Protein backbone atom coordinates (compact mmCIF):
# COMPACT_ATOMS: atom_id res chain seq x y z
CA MET A 1 -4.29 -10.74 -12.81
CA GLY A 2 -7.03 -8.45 -11.45
CA THR A 3 -10.52 -9.21 -10.16
CA ALA A 4 -13.32 -6.78 -9.37
CA ARG A 5 -15.81 -7.65 -6.63
CA GLN A 6 -19.26 -6.29 -5.92
CA ALA A 7 -19.01 -3.87 -3.01
CA ASP A 8 -20.67 -4.74 0.28
CA PRO A 9 -22.90 -1.75 1.12
CA THR A 10 -22.59 -2.51 4.86
CA SER A 11 -18.80 -2.29 4.84
CA THR A 12 -18.69 1.50 5.26
CA ALA A 13 -20.93 4.00 6.98
CA GLY A 14 -23.02 6.98 5.90
CA VAL A 15 -21.67 8.97 2.98
CA TRP A 16 -18.75 6.58 2.39
CA GLN A 17 -20.01 4.72 -0.67
CA ILE A 18 -17.77 2.06 -2.23
CA ARG A 19 -18.01 1.82 -6.02
CA LYS A 20 -15.70 -1.15 -6.46
CA LEU A 21 -13.13 -3.40 -4.84
CA VAL A 22 -10.17 -4.66 -6.85
CA THR A 23 -7.59 -7.29 -5.93
CA SER A 24 -4.46 -7.94 -8.00
CA VAL A 25 -1.84 -10.69 -7.67
CA ASP A 26 1.53 -11.14 -9.34
CA GLU A 27 4.34 -13.65 -8.88
CA TYR A 28 7.92 -13.67 -10.10
CA VAL A 29 8.42 -17.05 -11.78
CA THR A 30 11.82 -16.20 -13.23
CA GLU A 31 14.01 -13.11 -13.02
CA GLY A 32 17.22 -12.58 -14.95
CA GLY A 33 16.75 -15.99 -16.53
CA ALA A 34 16.79 -17.87 -13.22
CA THR A 35 14.19 -19.05 -10.73
CA PRO A 36 14.27 -17.05 -7.48
CA ALA A 37 15.15 -18.98 -4.33
CA GLN A 38 11.84 -17.76 -2.93
CA ALA A 39 9.01 -17.16 -5.41
CA ALA A 40 7.01 -14.40 -3.74
CA LEU A 41 3.40 -13.42 -4.31
CA ARG A 42 2.71 -9.69 -4.32
CA VAL A 43 -0.90 -8.73 -3.66
CA THR A 44 -2.69 -5.39 -3.76
CA ALA A 45 -6.26 -4.74 -2.66
CA ALA A 46 -8.07 -1.47 -3.37
CA ALA A 47 -11.30 0.12 -2.23
CA VAL A 48 -12.67 2.89 -4.46
CA LEU A 49 -14.79 5.37 -2.50
CA ARG A 50 -16.83 8.45 -3.24
CA ASN A 51 -15.02 11.46 -1.77
CA PRO A 52 -17.49 13.32 0.50
CA TRP A 53 -15.00 16.11 1.29
CA ILE A 54 -14.89 17.71 -2.16
CA GLY A 55 -15.57 21.44 -1.92
CA THR A 56 -15.30 21.60 1.85
CA PRO A 57 -13.09 24.34 3.38
CA THR A 58 -9.42 23.50 3.90
CA ASP A 59 -9.88 23.71 7.68
CA THR A 60 -12.61 21.03 7.70
CA ASP A 61 -12.10 18.38 10.38
CA LEU A 62 -11.06 15.17 8.59
CA GLN A 63 -9.96 13.16 11.59
CA THR A 64 -13.36 12.59 13.16
CA PRO A 65 -15.11 11.13 10.10
CA ALA A 66 -11.95 9.22 9.12
CA ARG A 67 -12.12 7.33 12.43
CA GLN A 68 -15.43 5.85 11.36
CA VAL A 69 -14.37 4.55 7.96
CA ALA A 70 -10.60 3.88 8.17
CA PRO A 71 -10.94 0.79 10.44
CA ARG A 72 -13.54 -0.67 8.08
CA LEU A 73 -11.21 -0.14 5.13
CA ALA A 74 -8.29 -1.74 6.97
CA LYS A 75 -10.34 -4.87 7.70
CA LEU A 76 -11.89 -4.98 4.25
CA LEU A 77 -8.58 -4.73 2.39
CA ALA A 78 -6.59 -6.91 4.77
CA ASP A 79 -9.16 -9.69 4.38
CA ARG A 80 -8.81 -9.56 0.60
CA VAL A 81 -5.03 -9.72 0.76
CA LEU A 82 -5.18 -12.63 3.19
CA GLU A 83 -7.60 -14.47 0.90
CA GLN A 84 -4.80 -14.60 -1.66
CA VAL A 85 -1.81 -15.42 0.56
CA GLY A 86 -3.50 -17.80 3.03
CA ASP A 87 -2.66 -16.24 6.39
CA ALA A 88 -0.61 -13.44 7.92
CA THR A 89 2.36 -15.68 8.74
CA ARG A 90 3.12 -15.84 5.00
CA ILE A 91 3.35 -12.06 4.65
CA GLU A 92 6.88 -10.66 4.91
CA ALA A 93 6.52 -7.13 3.51
CA PHE A 94 3.72 -4.59 3.35
CA GLY A 95 2.77 -1.16 2.02
CA LYS A 96 -0.16 1.22 1.60
CA ALA A 97 -1.26 3.97 -0.77
CA ALA A 98 -3.98 6.49 -1.57
CA LEU A 99 -4.95 7.95 -4.94
CA VAL A 100 -7.29 10.95 -4.95
CA GLY A 101 -9.35 12.10 -7.92
CA SER A 102 -8.71 15.50 -9.51
CA ALA A 103 -11.56 17.28 -7.69
CA GLY A 104 -10.19 16.40 -4.26
CA GLU A 105 -7.16 17.23 -2.15
CA ILE A 106 -4.22 14.92 -1.47
CA GLU A 107 -5.06 15.48 2.20
CA HIS A 108 -8.37 13.68 1.66
CA GLY A 109 -6.50 10.46 0.95
CA ALA A 110 -3.92 11.11 3.65
CA ALA A 111 -6.68 11.51 6.24
CA LEU A 112 -7.65 7.86 5.68
CA LEU A 113 -4.16 6.45 5.08
CA HIS A 114 -1.98 8.16 7.70
CA THR A 115 -4.01 7.36 10.79
CA PRO A 116 -3.74 4.68 13.47
CA TYR A 117 -7.30 3.70 12.59
CA TYR A 118 -5.96 2.38 9.27
CA ALA A 119 -2.22 1.78 9.69
CA ASN A 120 -2.26 0.24 13.19
CA LEU A 121 -4.99 -2.17 12.19
CA LEU A 122 -3.26 -3.12 8.94
CA ARG A 123 -0.12 -3.89 10.96
CA GLU A 124 -2.16 -6.00 13.36
CA PHE A 125 -3.97 -7.95 10.64
CA PHE A 126 -0.64 -8.66 8.87
CA ASP A 127 1.25 -9.44 12.11
CA GLY A 128 3.69 -6.60 11.52
CA SER A 129 5.36 -3.97 13.69
CA ALA A 130 7.38 -1.75 11.34
CA VAL A 131 6.34 1.61 9.93
CA ILE A 132 4.35 0.91 6.73
CA SER A 133 5.88 2.34 3.56
CA PHE A 134 3.44 4.45 1.58
CA SER A 135 2.69 6.63 -1.41
CA ASP A 136 -0.14 9.07 -2.07
CA ASP A 137 -1.06 11.29 -5.00
CA ARG A 138 -3.85 13.09 -6.85
CA ALA A 139 -4.35 12.06 -10.46
CA PRO A 140 -6.90 11.44 -13.23
CA ALA A 141 -8.54 8.08 -13.84
CA GLY A 142 -6.22 5.39 -15.14
CA THR A 143 -3.08 6.75 -13.48
CA PRO A 144 -0.94 3.96 -11.99
CA ILE A 145 0.45 4.37 -8.49
CA LEU A 146 3.71 2.85 -7.27
CA ILE A 147 3.33 1.30 -3.81
CA PRO A 148 6.60 0.79 -1.89
CA MET A 149 6.92 -2.08 0.56
CA CYS A 150 9.37 -2.95 3.32
CA HIS A 151 9.79 -5.85 5.75
CA LYS A 152 6.85 -5.92 8.13
CA ILE A 153 9.07 -6.28 11.23
CA LYS A 154 12.61 -5.31 10.22
CA GLY A 155 11.76 -2.19 8.26
CA THR A 156 15.36 -1.49 7.20
CA GLN A 157 16.04 -4.98 5.84
CA ARG A 158 17.08 -4.22 2.25
CA SER A 159 16.11 -7.59 0.81
CA HIS A 160 12.46 -6.64 1.22
CA TYR A 161 12.62 -3.13 -0.25
CA GLN A 162 10.32 -3.56 -3.26
CA THR A 163 7.49 -1.87 -5.11
CA VAL A 164 4.32 -2.96 -6.83
CA ILE A 165 2.34 -0.92 -9.36
CA ALA A 166 -1.42 -0.65 -8.90
CA HIS A 167 -3.41 0.33 -12.00
CA ILE A 168 -7.19 0.41 -12.36
CA SER A 169 -8.29 1.84 -15.70
CA ASP A 170 -11.25 3.91 -14.46
CA VAL A 171 -9.88 4.90 -11.06
CA PRO A 172 -9.96 7.39 -9.53
CA ARG A 173 -12.84 9.37 -10.98
CA ALA A 174 -12.68 13.06 -10.14
CA ASP A 175 -14.91 12.62 -7.09
CA GLU A 176 -13.26 9.46 -5.71
CA ILE A 177 -10.52 8.22 -3.41
CA ALA A 178 -8.80 4.85 -3.88
CA ILE A 179 -7.21 3.31 -0.80
CA PHE A 180 -4.74 0.43 -1.22
CA ALA A 181 -3.15 -2.25 0.95
CA ALA A 182 -0.21 -4.23 -0.45
CA ALA A 183 1.75 -7.24 0.77
CA SER A 184 4.48 -9.59 -0.41
CA THR A 185 5.24 -13.12 0.76
CA GLY A 186 8.97 -12.71 0.20
CA PRO A 187 11.91 -10.51 -0.77
CA ARG A 188 13.00 -9.17 -4.15
CA PRO A 189 14.12 -11.90 -6.55
CA HIS A 190 17.88 -12.66 -6.22
CA HIS A 191 18.45 -9.93 -3.63
CA ARG A 192 22.18 -9.41 -3.10
CA VAL A 193 22.93 -5.83 -2.01
CA GLY A 194 23.89 -6.62 1.58
CA ASP A 195 22.31 -5.18 4.67
CA ARG A 196 23.01 -2.70 7.45
CA THR A 197 24.30 -5.49 9.67
CA THR A 198 27.10 -6.27 7.17
CA ASP A 199 27.83 -2.78 5.80
CA PRO A 200 31.22 -1.14 6.42
CA THR A 201 31.28 2.32 7.96
CA VAL A 202 30.67 4.74 5.11
CA ASN A 203 30.90 8.53 5.27
CA SER A 204 32.32 11.35 3.17
CA ALA A 205 35.61 11.37 5.08
CA ASN A 206 36.55 7.77 4.36
CA LEU A 207 35.52 8.08 0.71
CA GLU A 208 37.63 11.13 -0.11
CA GLU A 209 39.61 9.22 -2.74
CA LEU A 210 36.42 8.80 -4.80
CA TYR A 211 36.11 12.56 -5.17
CA ARG A 212 39.63 13.16 -6.48
């Protein structure tokens, strides 16, 4: 299910014009013919912005202007995710992504995504502490992007390694950047691949018989 909202013109500053906001929600009801022990909601929120950096030299300072818009994006997208899940205590896993239109550079999306002015605030709003899994790419409109997620506190907890696909048919236009926040209220359905706390010691030396 996807819903498009009218952009709030006061939510970003100056040249950062939002064309649309999109929120998507999915829920595993059954998987493998059985109901998961924990039916998790997975939510993505996206802000689609005009890219003001197109055509600028590759040594252009991106950090200074990113400081002005990245916190606004973090609050804007976190609020939309939280609208769907209720509150941050329900969120167990999170992720982020950027998709840049064909006229821009991948670095234009990274400048907004890989900064404490976005990531630190997203962690705060979702009550997390782990490094946020991410993906970023440059692509034509209609290209889906796979957003990885991990546990918001125990980043290596395998039960919460999962991905969600974000797809907006007209995004990104050549002169746009789409920034995403993603969250899940639970683990993968029927997770059963163990965890680092229960793994045996595994290295090439004690697996030599497998190579014979």
